[in-house]
C-alpha atoms as a PDB file:
ATOM      1  CA  MET A   1       6.362 -13.452 -10.681  1.00  0.00           C
ATOM      2  CA  ASN A   2       7.935 -11.546  -7.621  1.00  0.00           C
ATOM      3  CA  VAL A   3       6.580  -8.086  -6.368  1.00  0.00           C
ATOM      4  CA  GLY A   4       6.731  -6.194  -3.121  1.00  0.00           C
ATOM      5  CA  VAL A   5       4.076  -4.714  -0.998  1.00  0.00           C
ATOM      6  CA  ALA A   6       4.248  -1.674   1.034  1.00  0.00           C
ATOM      7  CA  PHE A   7       2.657   0.303   3.495  1.00  0.00           C
ATOM      8  CA  ALA A   8       3.596   2.765   6.390  1.00  0.00           C
ATOM      9  CA  LYS A   9       2.032   4.600   8.988  1.00  0.00           C
ATOM     10  CA  GLN A  10       3.412   6.703  11.973  1.00  0.00           C
ATOM     11  CA  SER A  11       3.572   3.756  14.236  1.00  0.00           C
ATOM     12  CA  ALA A  12       3.990   0.641  11.953  1.00  0.00           C
ATOM     13  CA  GLN A  13       5.591  -0.102   8.401  1.00  0.00           C
ATOM     14  CA  PHE A  14       4.886  -3.159   6.716  1.00  0.00           C
ATOM     15  CA  TRP A  15       7.267  -4.511   3.426  1.00  0.00           C
ATOM     16  CA  ILE A  16       6.789  -7.953   2.058  1.00  0.00           C
ATOM     17  CA  ARG A  17       8.046  -9.642  -1.426  1.00  0.00           C
ATOM     18  CA  ILE A  18       5.466 -12.322  -2.697  1.00  0.00           C
ATOM     19  CA  GLU A  19       5.102 -14.690  -5.442  1.00  0.00           C
ATOM     20  CA  VAL A  20       1.889 -14.053  -7.503  1.00  0.00           C
ATOM     21  CA  PRO A  21       0.848 -15.578 -10.772  1.00  0.00           C
ATOM     22  CA  ASP A  22       1.258 -13.884 -14.102  1.00  0.00           C
ATOM     23  CA  GLY A  23      -1.637 -11.399 -14.665  1.00  0.00           C
ATOM     24  CA  ALA A  24      -2.331 -10.536 -11.137  1.00  0.00           C
ATOM     25  CA  THR A  25      -3.707  -7.243 -10.332  1.00  0.00           C
ATOM     26  CA  VAL A  26      -2.790  -4.718  -7.666  1.00  0.00           C
ATOM     27  CA  GLN A  27      -5.843  -5.695  -5.360  1.00  0.00           C
ATOM     28  CA  GLN A  28      -5.070  -9.386  -5.680  1.00  0.00           C
ATOM     29  CA  VAL A  29      -1.450  -8.595  -4.847  1.00  0.00           C
ATOM     30  CA  ILE A  30      -2.390  -6.614  -1.730  1.00  0.00           C
ATOM     31  CA  GLU A  31      -4.929  -9.338  -0.731  1.00  0.00           C
ATOM     32  CA  GLN A  32      -2.548 -11.961  -1.089  1.00  0.00           C
ATOM     33  CA  SER A  33       0.309 -10.144   0.938  1.00  0.00           C
ATOM     34  CA  GLY A  34      -1.742 -10.432   4.199  1.00  0.00           C
ATOM     35  CA  LEU A  35      -1.536  -6.790   4.623  1.00  0.00           C
ATOM     36  CA  LEU A  36      -5.420  -6.067   5.055  1.00  0.00           C
ATOM     37  CA  ASP A  37      -5.271  -8.725   7.807  1.00  0.00           C
ATOM     38  CA  GLN A  38      -2.627  -6.837   9.696  1.00  0.00           C
ATOM     39  CA  PHE A  39      -3.944  -3.450   9.124  1.00  0.00           C
ATOM     40  CA  PRO A  40      -7.664  -3.808   9.260  1.00  0.00           C
ATOM     41  CA  GLU A  41      -8.190   0.062   8.993  1.00  0.00           C
ATOM     42  CA  ILE A  42      -7.107  -0.104   5.437  1.00  0.00           C
ATOM     43  CA  ASP A  43      -9.861   0.409   2.847  1.00  0.00           C
ATOM     44  CA  LEU A  44      -9.125  -0.357  -0.471  1.00  0.00           C
ATOM     45  CA  ALA A  45     -12.149   1.590  -1.498  1.00  0.00           C
ATOM     46  CA  VAL A  46     -11.022   4.713   0.297  1.00  0.00           C
ATOM     47  CA  ASN A  47      -6.910   4.257   0.340  1.00  0.00           C
ATOM     48  CA  ARG A  48      -5.122   5.037  -2.848  1.00  0.00           C
ATOM     49  CA  VAL A  49      -2.564   2.690  -4.126  1.00  0.00           C
ATOM     50  CA  GLY A  50       0.272   3.095  -6.364  1.00  0.00           C
ATOM     51  CA  ILE A  51       3.363   1.198  -8.025  1.00  0.00           C
ATOM     52  CA  PHE A  52       6.578   2.899  -7.503  1.00  0.00           C
ATOM     53  CA  GLY A  53       5.151   6.329  -6.226  1.00  0.00           C
ATOM     54  CA  ALA A  54       2.599   6.571  -9.033  1.00  0.00           C
ATOM     55  CA  LEU A  55      -1.024   6.277  -8.367  1.00  0.00           C
ATOM     56  CA  THR A  56      -2.870   3.528 -10.060  1.00  0.00           C
ATOM     57  CA  LYS A  57      -6.094   1.575  -9.949  1.00  0.00           C
ATOM     58  CA  LEU A  58      -6.713  -1.741  -8.370  1.00  0.00           C
ATOM     59  CA  ASP A  59      -7.442  -3.618 -11.542  1.00  0.00           C
ATOM     60  CA  LYS A  60      -3.956  -2.658 -13.176  1.00  0.00           C
ATOM     61  CA  PRO A  61      -1.871  -5.940 -13.787  1.00  0.00           C
ATOM     62  CA  VAL A  62       1.235  -5.951 -11.885  1.00  0.00           C
ATOM     63  CA  LYS A  63       4.647  -6.605 -13.525  1.00  0.00           C
ATOM     64  CA  ASP A  64       7.528  -8.808 -12.183  1.00  0.00           C
ATOM     65  CA  GLY A  65       9.695  -6.727  -9.632  1.00  0.00           C
ATOM     66  CA  ASP A  66       6.844  -4.007  -9.045  1.00  0.00           C
ATOM     67  CA  ARG A  67       6.489  -2.601  -5.552  1.00  0.00           C
ATOM     68  CA  VAL A  68       2.771  -2.114  -4.893  1.00  0.00           C
ATOM     69  CA  GLU A  69       1.969   0.724  -2.271  1.00  0.00           C
ATOM     70  CA  VAL A  70      -0.927   1.442  -0.206  1.00  0.00           C
ATOM     71  CA  TYR A  71      -1.269   4.958   0.915  1.00  0.00           C
ATOM     72  CA  ARG A  72      -2.650   6.155   4.181  1.00  0.00           C
ATOM     73  CA  PRO A  73      -5.082   9.171   3.945  1.00  0.00           C
ATOM     74  CA  ILE A  74      -3.195  12.349   4.937  1.00  0.00           C
ATOM     75  CA  HIS A  75      -4.785  14.663   7.643  1.00  0.00           C
ATOM     76  CA  PRO A  76      -5.171  18.181   6.118  1.00  0.00           C
ATOM     77  CA  ASP A  77      -3.666  19.514   9.209  1.00  0.00           C
ATOM     78  CA  ALA A  78      -0.631  17.004   9.096  1.00  0.00           C
ATOM     79  CA  GLU A  79       2.139  19.178   9.410  1.00  0.00           C
ATOM     80  CA  LEU A  80       0.596  20.622  12.927  1.00  0.00           C
ATOM     81  CA  LEU A  81      -0.124  17.108  14.305  1.00  0.00           C
ATOM     82  CA  ASP A  82       3.467  16.348  14.877  1.00  0.00           C
ATOM     83  CA  ARG A  83       4.834  19.518  16.106  1.00  0.00           C
ATOM     84  CA  LYS A  84       5.465  19.994  19.555  1.00  0.00           C
ATOM     85  CA  ASP A  85       4.675  23.328  21.195  1.00  0.00           C
ATOM     86  CA  GLY A  86       7.454  25.270  22.797  1.00  0.00           C
END
């Protein structure tokens, strides 16, 4: 089955479609995608994950056409970090 994997941070974005076996879990999809190799700062014990914007667990099986997303932690003062004085 064909699924997508997405991750974004301020300086980079990752989007890939991959073929996975029936019954593959969110975690297996993320690991197979190469995302963790490209972004070693991702810690699946910390980062939340979802499918099409809905939070889910790593052991949830995916369905054909799903988009698995890895979310980066949001800094409590995120709105202030991007503001420029002046």
